[in-house]
C-alpha atoms as a PDB file:
ATOM      1  CA  MET A   1      22.539  36.643  36.117  1.00  0.00           C
ATOM      2  CA  LYS A   2      23.119  37.249  39.806  1.00  0.00           C
ATOM      3  CA  SER A   3      26.043  39.243  41.127  1.00  0.00           C
ATOM      4  CA  LEU A   4      29.329  37.411  40.741  1.00  0.00           C
ATOM      5  CA  GLU A   5      31.306  39.268  43.409  1.00  0.00           C
ATOM      6  CA  VAL A   6      31.584  36.084  45.467  1.00  0.00           C
ATOM      7  CA  VAL A   7      34.841  35.020  47.105  1.00  0.00           C
ATOM      8  CA  PRO A   8      35.827  31.350  47.584  1.00  0.00           C
ATOM      9  CA  SER A   9      33.927  29.793  50.467  1.00  0.00           C
ATOM     10  CA  ILE A  10      35.868  26.612  51.076  1.00  0.00           C
ATOM     11  CA  ILE A  11      39.383  26.280  52.435  1.00  0.00           C
ATOM     12  CA  LYS A  12      40.599  23.912  49.711  1.00  0.00           C
ATOM     13  CA  THR A  13      39.810  26.379  46.937  1.00  0.00           C
ATOM     14  CA  THR A  14      41.387  29.249  48.866  1.00  0.00           C
ATOM     15  CA  VAL A  15      44.623  27.401  49.595  1.00  0.00           C
ATOM     16  CA  LEU A  16      44.903  26.109  46.040  1.00  0.00           C
ATOM     17  CA  ALA A  17      44.192  29.544  44.586  1.00  0.00           C
ATOM     18  CA  LEU A  18      46.937  31.089  46.703  1.00  0.00           C
ATOM     19  CA  SER A  19      49.355  28.336  45.693  1.00  0.00           C
ATOM     20  CA  ILE A  20      48.653  28.755  41.980  1.00  0.00           C
ATOM     21  CA  SER A  21      48.861  32.557  42.241  1.00  0.00           C
ATOM     22  CA  ALA A  22      52.202  32.305  44.010  1.00  0.00           C
ATOM     23  CA  LEU A  23      53.424  29.813  41.433  1.00  0.00           C
ATOM     24  CA  ALA A  24      52.452  32.096  38.553  1.00  0.00           C
ATOM     25  CA  ALA A  25      54.158  35.036  40.232  1.00  0.00           C
ATOM     26  CA  CYS A  26      57.470  33.277  40.745  1.00  0.00           C
ATOM     27  CA  GLY A  27      57.507  31.044  37.692  1.00  0.00           C
ATOM     28  CA  GLY A  28      57.333  27.815  39.692  1.00  0.00           C
ATOM     29  CA  GLY A  29      60.472  28.340  41.733  1.00  0.00           C
ATOM     30  CA  GLY A  30      61.118  29.395  45.302  1.00  0.00           C
ATOM     31  CA  GLY A  31      63.766  31.103  47.371  1.00  0.00           C
ATOM     32  CA  GLY A  32      65.283  30.771  50.785  1.00  0.00           C
ATOM     33  CA  SER A  33      66.612  27.708  52.525  1.00  0.00           C
ATOM     34  CA  SER A  34      65.052  24.510  53.763  1.00  0.00           C
ATOM     35  CA  THR A  35      64.675  24.189  57.515  1.00  0.00           C
ATOM     36  CA  ASP A  36      62.845  20.859  57.744  1.00  0.00           C
ATOM     37  CA  SER A  37      63.484  17.691  55.794  1.00  0.00           C
ATOM     38  CA  GLY A  38      59.958  16.453  56.547  1.00  0.00           C
ATOM     39  CA  THR A  39      61.108  12.848  56.779  1.00  0.00           C
ATOM     40  CA  GLN A  40      60.407   9.928  59.050  1.00  0.00           C
ATOM     41  CA  SER A  41      61.406   6.277  58.915  1.00  0.00           C
ATOM     42  CA  SER A  42      58.786   3.946  57.431  1.00  0.00           C
ATOM     43  CA  ASN A  43      58.465   0.184  57.200  1.00  0.00           C
ATOM     44  CA  SER A  44      57.041   0.479  53.698  1.00  0.00           C
ATOM     45  CA  SER A  45      59.933  -1.504  52.294  1.00  0.00           C
ATOM     46  CA  SER A  46      58.915  -4.611  54.214  1.00  0.00           C
ATOM     47  CA  SER A  47      57.653  -6.209  51.023  1.00  0.00           C
ATOM     48  CA  SER A  48      59.420  -6.242  47.670  1.00  0.00           C
ATOM     49  CA  SER A  49      56.562  -7.490  45.497  1.00  0.00           C
ATOM     50  CA  ASP A  50      55.353  -5.276  42.649  1.00  0.00           C
ATOM     51  CA  LEU A  51      52.057  -3.380  42.705  1.00  0.00           C
ATOM     52  CA  SER A  52      51.675  -3.324  38.949  1.00  0.00           C
ATOM     53  CA  SER A  53      48.736  -5.733  39.182  1.00  0.00           C
ATOM     54  CA  GLY A  54      46.757  -3.070  41.039  1.00  0.00           C
ATOM     55  CA  THR A  55      45.659  -5.449  43.812  1.00  0.00           C
ATOM     56  CA  ASP A  56      44.925  -4.442  47.399  1.00  0.00           C
ATOM     57  CA  THR A  57      48.072  -5.015  49.423  1.00  0.00           C
ATOM     58  CA  GLY A  58      46.999  -3.422  52.694  1.00  0.00           C
ATOM     59  CA  THR A  59      48.132  -5.147  55.881  1.00  0.00           C
ATOM     60  CA  GLU A  60      46.698  -5.188  59.363  1.00  0.00           C
ATOM     61  CA  SER A  61      48.619  -5.323  62.629  1.00  0.00           C
ATOM     62  CA  GLY A  62      46.218  -7.603  64.507  1.00  0.00           C
ATOM     63  CA  SER A  63      43.782  -5.053  65.952  1.00  0.00           C
ATOM     64  CA  SER A  64      40.061  -5.740  66.130  1.00  0.00           C
ATOM     65  CA  THR A  65      38.299  -4.884  62.888  1.00  0.00           C
ATOM     66  CA  ASP A  66      35.091  -3.827  64.649  1.00  0.00           C
ATOM     67  CA  ASN A  67      34.040  -0.390  63.348  1.00  0.00           C
ATOM     68  CA  LEU A  68      36.739  -0.519  60.658  1.00  0.00           C
ATOM     69  CA  GLN A  69      36.346   2.398  58.249  1.00  0.00           C
ATOM     70  CA  ARG A  70      37.758   3.202  54.810  1.00  0.00           C
ATOM     71  CA  GLY A  71      39.103   6.418  53.391  1.00  0.00           C
ATOM     72  CA  GLN A  72      40.483   7.334  49.978  1.00  0.00           C
ATOM     73  CA  PHE A  73      43.663   9.249  49.182  1.00  0.00           C
ATOM     74  CA  LEU A  74      43.170  11.536  46.183  1.00  0.00           C
ATOM     75  CA  ASP A  75      45.334  13.364  43.688  1.00  0.00           C
ATOM     76  CA  SER A  76      43.432  11.183  41.368  1.00  0.00           C
ATOM     77  CA  ALA A  77      43.136   7.954  43.349  1.00  0.00           C
ATOM     78  CA  VAL A  78      46.651   7.114  44.591  1.00  0.00           C
ATOM     79  CA  SER A  79      47.391   3.402  44.861  1.00  0.00           C
ATOM     80  CA  GLY A  80      50.533   1.914  46.385  1.00  0.00           C
ATOM     81  CA  LEU A  81      50.959   4.682  48.978  1.00  0.00           C
ATOM     82  CA  TRP A  82      52.078   3.414  52.393  1.00  0.00           C
ATOM     83  CA  TYR A  83      49.940   4.451  55.381  1.00  0.00           C
ATOM     84  CA  GLU A  84      50.050   3.845  59.126  1.00  0.00           C
ATOM     85  CA  THR A  85      47.589   4.373  61.974  1.00  0.00           C
ATOM     86  CA  GLU A  86      47.889   3.494  65.648  1.00  0.00           C
ATOM     87  CA  THR A  87      46.635  -0.037  64.846  1.00  0.00           C
ATOM     88  CA  LEU A  88      46.795  -0.542  61.079  1.00  0.00           C
ATOM     89  CA  SER A  89      49.296  -0.203  58.255  1.00  0.00           C
ATOM     90  CA  GLY A  90      49.549  -1.085  54.591  1.00  0.00           C
ATOM     91  CA  PHE A  91      49.494   0.233  51.034  1.00  0.00           C
ATOM     92  CA  THR A  92      46.486   2.025  49.586  1.00  0.00           C
ATOM     93  CA  ASP A  93      44.638  -0.316  47.240  1.00  0.00           C
ATOM     94  CA  ALA A  94      44.016  -0.036  43.496  1.00  0.00           C
ATOM     95  CA  GLU A  95      41.435   2.747  44.075  1.00  0.00           C
ATOM     96  CA  GLY A  96      43.432   4.604  46.707  1.00  0.00           C
ATOM     97  CA  PHE A  97      41.547   3.264  49.729  1.00  0.00           C
ATOM     98  CA  PHE A  98      43.059   2.810  53.184  1.00  0.00           C
ATOM     99  CA  GLU A  99      41.619   1.559  56.468  1.00  0.00           C
ATOM    100  CA  PHE A 100      41.420   3.122  59.923  1.00  0.00           C
ATOM    101  CA  LEU A 101      39.472   2.952  63.168  1.00  0.00           C
ATOM    102  CA  PRO A 102      37.376   5.918  64.382  1.00  0.00           C
ATOM    103  CA  GLY A 103      39.506   8.570  66.078  1.00  0.00           C
ATOM    104  CA  GLU A 104      42.793   7.398  64.588  1.00  0.00           C
ATOM    105  CA  THR A 105      45.390   9.560  62.856  1.00  0.00           C
ATOM    106  CA  VAL A 106      46.656   8.328  59.493  1.00  0.00           C
ATOM    107  CA  SER A 107      50.255   8.967  58.384  1.00  0.00           C
ATOM    108  CA  PHE A 108      51.222   8.682  54.716  1.00  0.00           C
ATOM    109  CA  PHE A 109      54.706   7.861  53.408  1.00  0.00           C
ATOM    110  CA  LEU A 110      56.681   7.676  50.213  1.00  0.00           C
ATOM    111  CA  GLY A 111      59.397   5.237  51.200  1.00  0.00           C
ATOM    112  CA  GLU A 112      61.290   6.896  54.049  1.00  0.00           C
ATOM    113  CA  THR A 113      59.616  10.269  53.633  1.00  0.00           C
ATOM    114  CA  LEU A 114      56.613  11.279  55.690  1.00  0.00           C
ATOM    115  CA  LEU A 115      54.184  13.191  53.457  1.00  0.00           C
ATOM    116  CA  GLY A 116      52.091  14.203  56.450  1.00  0.00           C
ATOM    117  CA  GLU A 117      49.293  13.178  58.779  1.00  0.00           C
ATOM    118  CA  SER A 118      45.528  13.521  58.705  1.00  0.00           C
ATOM    119  CA  ASP A 119      42.597  12.529  60.846  1.00  0.00           C
ATOM    120  CA  GLY A 120      41.042   9.332  59.548  1.00  0.00           C
ATOM    121  CA  LYS A 121      38.198  10.341  57.246  1.00  0.00           C
ATOM    122  CA  VAL A 122      36.435   9.417  54.019  1.00  0.00           C
ATOM    123  CA  GLU A 123      38.675  11.541  51.786  1.00  0.00           C
ATOM    124  CA  VAL A 124      42.251  12.720  52.254  1.00  0.00           C
ATOM    125  CA  THR A 125      44.203  14.867  49.788  1.00  0.00           C
ATOM    126  CA  PRO A 126      47.707  16.373  49.959  1.00  0.00           C
ATOM    127  CA  LEU A 127      46.099  19.569  51.261  1.00  0.00           C
ATOM    128  CA  ASP A 128      45.069  17.712  54.403  1.00  0.00           C
ATOM    129  CA  LEU A 129      48.706  16.807  55.105  1.00  0.00           C
ATOM    130  CA  LEU A 130      49.952  20.392  55.402  1.00  0.00           C
ATOM    131  CA  THR A 131      50.620  22.204  58.667  1.00  0.00           C
ATOM    132  CA  ALA A 132      51.059  25.882  59.483  1.00  0.00           C
ATOM    133  CA  THR A 133      54.818  25.434  59.829  1.00  0.00           C
ATOM    134  CA  ASP A 134      55.316  23.769  56.420  1.00  0.00           C
ATOM    135  CA  HIS A 135      57.055  25.623  53.607  1.00  0.00           C
ATOM    136  CA  PRO A 136      54.524  27.143  51.166  1.00  0.00           C
ATOM    137  CA  ASP A 137      55.991  25.049  48.328  1.00  0.00           C
ATOM    138  CA  LYS A 138      55.412  21.712  50.063  1.00  0.00           C
ATOM    139  CA  LEU A 139      52.029  21.201  48.400  1.00  0.00           C
ATOM    140  CA  GLN A 140      53.366  21.614  44.861  1.00  0.00           C
ATOM    141  CA  ASN A 141      56.361  19.420  45.694  1.00  0.00           C
ATOM    142  CA  ILE A 142      54.097  16.576  46.859  1.00  0.00           C
ATOM    143  CA  LEU A 143      51.844  16.878  43.806  1.00  0.00           C
ATOM    144  CA  ARG A 144      54.795  16.880  41.398  1.00  0.00           C
ATOM    145  CA  VAL A 145      56.394  13.822  42.965  1.00  0.00           C
ATOM    146  CA  LEU A 146      53.172  11.795  43.062  1.00  0.00           C
ATOM    147  CA  GLN A 147      52.362  12.559  39.438  1.00  0.00           C
ATOM    148  CA  THR A 148      55.964  11.976  38.321  1.00  0.00           C
ATOM    149  CA  ILE A 149      56.269   8.492  39.816  1.00  0.00           C
ATOM    150  CA  ASP A 150      52.899   7.348  38.461  1.00  0.00           C
ATOM    151  CA  PHE A 151      53.428   3.983  36.745  1.00  0.00           C
ATOM    152  CA  ASP A 152      52.097   5.050  33.321  1.00  0.00           C
ATOM    153  CA  SER A 153      52.790   8.801  33.729  1.00  0.00           C
ATOM    154  CA  ASP A 154      49.097   9.576  33.145  1.00  0.00           C
ATOM    155  CA  ALA A 155      47.534  10.958  36.317  1.00  0.00           C
ATOM    156  CA  SER A 156      44.139  11.316  34.627  1.00  0.00           C
ATOM    157  CA  ASN A 157      43.497   7.575  35.027  1.00  0.00           C
ATOM    158  CA  GLY A 158      44.771   7.409  38.605  1.00  0.00           C
ATOM    159  CA  ILE A 159      48.220   7.448  40.178  1.00  0.00           C
ATOM    160  CA  HIS A 160      49.813   4.043  40.736  1.00  0.00           C
ATOM    161  CA  ILE A 161      53.059   3.774  42.703  1.00  0.00           C
ATOM    162  CA  PRO A 162      54.835   0.483  41.920  1.00  0.00           C
ATOM    163  CA  ARG A 163      56.248  -1.379  44.909  1.00  0.00           C
ATOM    164  CA  SER A 164      59.703  -1.196  43.359  1.00  0.00           C
ATOM    165  CA  THR A 165      59.463   2.621  43.390  1.00  0.00           C
ATOM    166  CA  ASP A 166      58.466   2.683  47.049  1.00  0.00           C
ATOM    167  CA  ASP A 167      61.376   0.337  47.848  1.00  0.00           C
ATOM    168  CA  TYR A 168      63.719   2.701  46.016  1.00  0.00           C
ATOM    169  CA  LEU A 169      62.364   5.668  47.978  1.00  0.00           C
ATOM    170  CA  SER A 170      63.041   3.878  51.277  1.00  0.00           C
ATOM    171  CA  GLN A 171      66.761   4.507  50.748  1.00  0.00           C
ATOM    172  CA  PHE A 172      66.725   8.312  51.196  1.00  0.00           C
ATOM    173  CA  PRO A 173      64.487  11.234  52.229  1.00  0.00           C
ATOM    174  CA  LEU A 174      62.842  13.602  49.774  1.00  0.00           C
ATOM    175  CA  PRO A 175      63.186  17.378  50.363  1.00  0.00           C
ATOM    176  CA  LEU A 176      59.435  18.003  50.107  1.00  0.00           C
ATOM    177  CA  ASN A 177      59.473  20.740  52.735  1.00  0.00           C
ATOM    178  CA  SER A 178      61.913  22.887  50.744  1.00  0.00           C
ATOM    179  CA  PRO A 179      61.545  25.865  48.396  1.00  0.00           C
ATOM    180  CA  ALA A 180      60.636  24.685  44.910  1.00  0.00           C
ATOM    181  CA  ALA A 181      63.938  25.777  43.373  1.00  0.00           C
ATOM    182  CA  LEU A 182      65.963  23.735  45.868  1.00  0.00           C
ATOM    183  CA  PHE A 183      63.568  20.833  45.527  1.00  0.00           C
ATOM    184  CA  GLU A 184      63.956  20.744  41.741  1.00  0.00           C
ATOM    185  CA  ALA A 185      67.742  21.002  41.926  1.00  0.00           C
ATOM    186  CA  SER A 186      68.242  18.408  44.662  1.00  0.00           C
ATOM    187  CA  VAL A 187      70.234  15.254  43.976  1.00  0.00           C
ATOM    188  CA  ALA A 188      67.458  13.121  45.488  1.00  0.00           C
ATOM    189  CA  ILE A 189      64.814  14.400  43.067  1.00  0.00           C
ATOM    190  CA  ASN A 190      67.052  14.245  40.000  1.00  0.00           C
ATOM    191  CA  ASN A 191      68.102  10.691  40.861  1.00  0.00           C
ATOM    192  CA  LEU A 192      64.481   9.733  41.447  1.00  0.00           C
ATOM    193  CA  VAL A 193      63.372  11.093  38.082  1.00  0.00           C
ATOM    194  CA  ALA A 194      66.256   9.406  36.280  1.00  0.00           C
ATOM    195  CA  THR A 195      65.592   6.070  37.982  1.00  0.00           C
ATOM    196  CA  VAL A 196      61.798   5.641  37.828  1.00  0.00           C
ATOM    197  CA  THR A 197      60.643   7.613  34.774  1.00  0.00           C
ATOM    198  CA  ASN A 198      62.692   5.982  32.011  1.00  0.00           C
ATOM    199  CA  GLY A 199      64.122   9.294  30.862  1.00  0.00           C
ATOM    200  CA  GLY A 200      61.075  11.394  31.687  1.00  0.00           C
ATOM    201  CA  ASN A 201      60.973  14.716  33.506  1.00  0.00           C
ATOM    202  CA  LEU A 202      59.703  16.023  36.797  1.00  0.00           C
ATOM    203  CA  LYS A 203      56.086  17.042  36.263  1.00  0.00           C
ATOM    204  CA  ASP A 204      55.528  20.756  35.728  1.00  0.00           C
ATOM    205  CA  ALA A 205      54.341  22.533  38.876  1.00  0.00           C
ATOM    206  CA  LEU A 206      51.469  24.421  37.256  1.00  0.00           C
ATOM    207  CA  ASP A 207      50.262  21.328  35.381  1.00  0.00           C
ATOM    208  CA  SER A 208      50.313  19.392  38.638  1.00  0.00           C
ATOM    209  CA  PHE A 209      48.182  22.028  40.341  1.00  0.00           C
ATOM    210  CA  MET A 210      45.745  22.063  37.441  1.00  0.00           C
ATOM    211  CA  HIS A 211      45.306  18.296  37.580  1.00  0.00           C
ATOM    212  CA  PHE A 212      44.785  18.400  41.346  1.00  0.00           C
ATOM    213  CA  ARG A 213      42.158  21.125  41.019  1.00  0.00           C
ATOM    214  CA  GLU A 214      40.263  19.086  38.425  1.00  0.00           C
ATOM    215  CA  THR A 215      40.373  16.113  40.783  1.00  0.00           C
ATOM    216  CA  LEU A 216      38.834  18.182  43.569  1.00  0.00           C
ATOM    217  CA  LEU A 217      36.094  19.449  41.274  1.00  0.00           C
ATOM    218  CA  SER A 218      35.310  15.972  39.948  1.00  0.00           C
ATOM    219  CA  ASP A 219      35.229  14.474  43.432  1.00  0.00           C
ATOM    220  CA  ARG A 220      32.871  17.197  44.625  1.00  0.00           C
ATOM    221  CA  ARG A 221      30.537  16.468  41.717  1.00  0.00           C
ATOM    222  CA  ASN A 222      30.842  12.675  41.864  1.00  0.00           C
ATOM    223  CA  THR A 223      28.457  12.195  38.935  1.00  0.00           C
ATOM    224  CA  THR A 224      28.027   8.983  36.955  1.00  0.00           C
ATOM    225  CA  ASP A 225      25.980  10.609  34.173  1.00  0.00           C
ATOM    226  CA  GLU A 226      27.361  11.273  30.692  1.00  0.00           C
ATOM    227  CA  ILE A 227      29.639  14.318  30.578  1.00  0.00           C
ATOM    228  CA  ILE A 228      28.803  16.527  27.598  1.00  0.00           C
ATOM    229  CA  LEU A 229      30.844  19.643  28.410  1.00  0.00           C
ATOM    230  CA  ASN A 230      34.038  20.517  30.275  1.00  0.00           C
ATOM    231  CA  LEU A 231      33.971  24.252  30.915  1.00  0.00           C
ATOM    232  CA  LEU A 232      37.513  24.513  32.236  1.00  0.00           C
ATOM    233  CA  ASN A 233      39.883  26.588  30.106  1.00  0.00           C
ATOM    234  CA  THR A 234      37.137  27.732  27.742  1.00  0.00           C
ATOM    235  CA  THR A 235      36.106  31.266  26.720  1.00  0.00           C
ATOM    236  CA  TRP A 236      32.631  32.372  25.678  1.00  0.00           C
ATOM    237  CA  ASP A 237      31.462  35.664  24.146  1.00  0.00           C
ATOM    238  CA  ALA A 238      28.111  36.698  25.569  1.00  0.00           C
ATOM    239  CA  GLN A 239      25.460  39.207  24.521  1.00  0.00           C
ATOM    240  CA  ILE A 240      22.749  40.436  26.867  1.00  0.00           C
ATOM    241  CA  THR A 241      19.320  41.510  25.590  1.00  0.00           C
ATOM    242  CA  SER A 242      16.134  42.487  27.409  1.00  0.00           C
ATOM    243  CA  THR A 243      12.448  42.609  26.532  1.00  0.00           C
ATOM    244  CA  GLU A 244      12.434  46.136  27.966  1.00  0.00           C
ATOM    245  CA  CYS A 245      15.283  47.335  25.763  1.00  0.00           C
ATOM    246  CA  GLY A 246      14.387  46.278  22.247  1.00  0.00           C
ATOM    247  CA  THR A 247      17.515  46.122  20.107  1.00  0.00           C
ATOM    248  CA  ASP A 248      19.898  47.498  22.739  1.00  0.00           C
ATOM    249  CA  THR A 249      22.517  45.013  23.931  1.00  0.00           C
ATOM    250  CA  ALA A 250      25.420  44.634  26.336  1.00  0.00           C
ATOM    251  CA  ALA A 251      28.509  42.491  25.858  1.00  0.00           C
ATOM    252  CA  VAL A 252      30.442  40.398  28.386  1.00  0.00           C
ATOM    253  CA  VAL A 253      33.112  37.695  28.091  1.00  0.00           C
ATOM    254  CA  TYR A 254      33.075  34.540  30.240  1.00  0.00           C
ATOM    255  CA  ASN A 255      36.428  32.925  31.016  1.00  0.00           C
ATOM    256  CA  PHE A 256      36.117  29.545  32.738  1.00  0.00           C
ATOM    257  CA  ASN A 257      39.536  29.011  34.299  1.00  0.00           C
ATOM    258  CA  ILE A 258      40.739  26.315  36.663  1.00  0.00           C
ATOM    259  CA  LEU A 259      39.589  28.149  39.801  1.00  0.00           C
ATOM    260  CA  GLY A 260      36.290  29.610  38.683  1.00  0.00           C
ATOM    261  CA  ILE A 261      34.496  32.012  36.357  1.00  0.00           C
ATOM    262  CA  ALA A 262      35.937  35.414  35.468  1.00  0.00           C
ATOM    263  CA  THR A 263      33.562  37.715  33.583  1.00  0.00           C
ATOM    264  CA  VAL A 264      34.717  40.897  31.862  1.00  0.00           C
ATOM    265  CA  GLY A 265      32.486  43.604  30.388  1.00  0.00           C
ATOM    266  CA  ALA A 266      28.936  44.849  30.991  1.00  0.00           C
ATOM    267  CA  HIS A 267      26.919  42.488  33.185  1.00  0.00           C
ATOM    268  CA  ASP A 268      23.504  44.108  32.804  1.00  0.00           C
ATOM    269  CA  LEU A 269      21.185  46.292  30.715  1.00  0.00           C
ATOM    270  CA  ALA A 270      19.659  49.111  32.747  1.00  0.00           C
ATOM    271  CA  VAL A 271      16.682  51.294  31.864  1.00  0.00           C
ATOM    272  CA  GLY A 272      17.250  55.011  32.424  1.00  0.00           C
ATOM    273  CA  ASP A 273      15.811  58.362  31.399  1.00  0.00           C
ATOM    274  CA  ASP A 274      17.613  58.139  28.072  1.00  0.00           C
ATOM    275  CA  GLY A 275      16.620  54.551  27.405  1.00  0.00           C
ATOM    276  CA  CYS A 276      18.654  51.386  27.947  1.00  0.00           C
ATOM    277  CA  SER A 277      22.390  51.221  28.405  1.00  0.00           C
ATOM    278  CA  ALA A 278      25.046  48.729  29.433  1.00  0.00           C
ATOM    279  CA  ALA A 279      25.552  48.611  33.201  1.00  0.00           C
ATOM    280  CA  ARG A 280      27.681  46.951  35.902  1.00  0.00           C
ATOM    281  CA  ASN A 281      30.828  47.192  33.839  1.00  0.00           C
ATOM    282  CA  GLY A 282      33.859  45.549  35.330  1.00  0.00           C
ATOM    283  CA  ILE A 283      35.608  42.291  36.103  1.00  0.00           C
ATOM    284  CA  PHE A 284      33.939  39.831  38.440  1.00  0.00           C
ATOM    285  CA  PHE A 285      34.923  36.393  39.704  1.00  0.00           C
ATOM    286  CA  ASN A 286      33.043  33.457  41.170  1.00  0.00           C
ATOM    287  CA  THR A 287      34.188  29.976  42.129  1.00  0.00           C
ATOM    288  CA  TYR A 288      32.475  26.866  40.791  1.00  0.00           C
ATOM    289  CA  GLU A 289      31.674  25.840  44.364  1.00  0.00           C
ATOM    290  CA  THR A 290      29.527  28.937  44.881  1.00  0.00           C
ATOM    291  CA  ASP A 291      28.129  29.511  41.386  1.00  0.00           C
ATOM    292  CA  GLU A 292      24.428  28.774  40.873  1.00  0.00           C
ATOM    293  CA  LEU A 293      24.496  27.987  37.158  1.00  0.00           C
ATOM    294  CA  PHE A 294      27.903  26.534  36.329  1.00  0.00           C
ATOM    295  CA  VAL A 295      28.650  24.536  39.444  1.00  0.00           C
ATOM    296  CA  CYS A 296      29.221  21.494  37.183  1.00  0.00           C
ATOM    297  CA  ALA A 297      32.614  22.928  36.086  1.00  0.00           C
ATOM    298  CA  ASN A 298      34.571  20.152  34.350  1.00  0.00           C
ATOM    299  CA  GLU A 299      31.800  17.549  34.468  1.00  0.00           C
ATOM    300  CA  CYS A 300      28.680  19.153  33.007  1.00  0.00           C
ATOM    301  CA  THR A 301      25.851  16.806  32.093  1.00  0.00           C
ATOM    302  CA  SER A 302      22.809  17.488  29.948  1.00  0.00           C
ATOM    303  CA  GLU A 303      20.739  17.861  33.109  1.00  0.00           C
ATOM    304  CA  ASP A 304      23.159  20.484  34.464  1.00  0.00           C
ATOM    305  CA  LEU A 305      22.962  22.578  31.303  1.00  0.00           C
ATOM    306  CA  ASN A 306      19.224  22.303  30.640  1.00  0.00           C
ATOM    307  CA  ARG A 307      17.306  23.257  33.745  1.00  0.00           C
ATOM    308  CA  VAL A 308      15.125  25.821  35.491  1.00  0.00           C
ATOM    309  CA  VAL A 309      15.969  27.576  38.769  1.00  0.00           C
ATOM    310  CA  ILE A 310      13.164  29.321  40.665  1.00  0.00           C
ATOM    311  CA  GLU A 311      14.016  31.784  43.421  1.00  0.00           C
ATOM    312  CA  GLY A 312      11.127  33.854  44.712  1.00  0.00           C
ATOM    313  CA  GLU A 313       9.575  35.645  41.732  1.00  0.00           C
ATOM    314  CA  GLU A 314      12.672  35.155  39.584  1.00  0.00           C
ATOM    315  CA  VAL A 315      12.831  32.254  37.147  1.00  0.00           C
ATOM    316  CA  THR A 316      16.154  31.386  35.490  1.00  0.00           C
ATOM    317  CA  THR A 317      16.283  29.019  32.535  1.00  0.00           C
ATOM    318  CA  LEU A 318      19.588  27.554  31.333  1.00  0.00           C
ATOM    319  CA  SER A 319      19.809  25.687  28.019  1.00  0.00           C
ATOM    320  CA  TYR A 320      22.686  24.363  25.937  1.00  0.00           C
ATOM    321  CA  ASP A 321      22.848  23.664  22.210  1.00  0.00           C
ATOM    322  CA  GLN A 322      25.752  21.232  21.965  1.00  0.00           C
ATOM    323  CA  ASP A 323      25.950  21.282  18.173  1.00  0.00           C
ATOM    324  CA  ALA A 324      26.055  25.078  17.963  1.00  0.00           C
ATOM    325  CA  GLY A 325      28.229  25.545  21.043  1.00  0.00           C
ATOM    326  CA  VAL A 326      25.745  28.007  22.529  1.00  0.00           C
ATOM    327  CA  MET A 327      24.459  28.385  26.093  1.00  0.00           C
ATOM    328  CA  THR A 328      21.440  30.559  26.824  1.00  0.00           C
ATOM    329  CA  VAL A 329      20.545  31.996  30.218  1.00  0.00           C
ATOM    330  CA  ALA A 330      17.113  33.634  30.454  1.00  0.00           C
ATOM    331  CA  VAL A 331      16.117  35.393  33.691  1.00  0.00           C
ATOM    332  CA  THR A 332      12.445  36.394  33.973  1.00  0.00           C
ATOM    333  CA  THR A 333      11.185  38.738  36.694  1.00  0.00           C
ATOM    334  CA  MET A 334       7.972  40.635  37.352  1.00  0.00           C
ATOM    335  CA  ILE A 335       8.312  44.413  36.815  1.00  0.00           C
ATOM    336  CA  ASP A 336       5.285  46.696  37.237  1.00  0.00           C
ATOM    337  CA  GLY A 337       2.973  43.758  36.794  1.00  0.00           C
ATOM    338  CA  GLU A 338       4.646  42.559  33.603  1.00  0.00           C
ATOM    339  CA  ASN A 339       7.219  39.883  32.974  1.00  0.00           C
ATOM    340  CA  ASN A 340      10.608  41.115  31.869  1.00  0.00           C
ATOM    341  CA  THR A 341      13.192  38.692  30.517  1.00  0.00           C
ATOM    342  CA  LYS A 342      16.899  39.358  30.260  1.00  0.00           C
ATOM    343  CA  THR A 343      18.643  36.858  28.014  1.00  0.00           C
ATOM    344  CA  THR A 344      22.363  36.165  27.934  1.00  0.00           C
ATOM    345  CA  VAL A 345      23.559  34.126  24.962  1.00  0.00           C
ATOM    346  CA  LEU A 346      27.038  32.634  25.385  1.00  0.00           C
ATOM    347  CA  THR A 347      28.866  31.445  22.260  1.00  0.00           C
ATOM    348  CA  ALA A 348      32.021  29.368  22.572  1.00  0.00           C
ATOM    349  CA  ARG A 349      35.126  30.776  20.932  1.00  0.00           C
END
């Protein structure tokens, strides 16, 4: 295996990692006082029909449709979310799509409350709506509200905001730009939960982050092949052997968490004067976005887990026995004119 001392290379992973770390440190709450209500009047209540049919209810303000483009709002696909551009406005359709013209800014609303603005582009997530002056808890507050008001309370199959819910939210602002503790305790949020969830609860902050992270991973993969393995939240015990080292072995544990791969133990077998011994002991971390072997993360297909990677004179073979719950990584290199293979066998706990 190659060195795993790789830090996150994309801004979305970095921001989300910091948010989850902060959430774990403070138990989901926040301190201080709110300085910005983050609200703006919206005309999203102009129609009182229900969105439960999942049909496209977007409207257009009469501008030319030449060069019209479509984007998708994701925390899962969010349907029934009001959006406005300089020339267009409407609700995102059943798959979360909205329309815009090149160069336009898109504003997104829940009733009266402005979630934020983004340049018009193919994909927009709540991360794109944040600014440098927003409270650090705004992201988790948006995620929790969106997943709480979902029509069937199951964000895994998409988030659908009924028109009646958006109409209700047009009556008052939401304190999204507040510390989490104040957000949770606010009258607006407690009334919202009591009104639209039929006795349910505000979605847990950490669970909301986890779902959002899985959405980002799935969208990055965008595969239509059969998924045979979800690595997230799994642990594997691994043993390293080498053709140079006979019966000597090294042990390492792979933890596939929501952000990436944490490995603990000895990551190599090294040949020394006294024979072979475990080497590169420690804890290493790599994100799915930058990992060569397990980039598939929560959507691993048979092709992902049974393949060969050739880099220079190094050949890496990855194979997966689904019935046994065993992954095998074999790395072959040329040493002193002879092939040497180091094999790491990962067994699911």
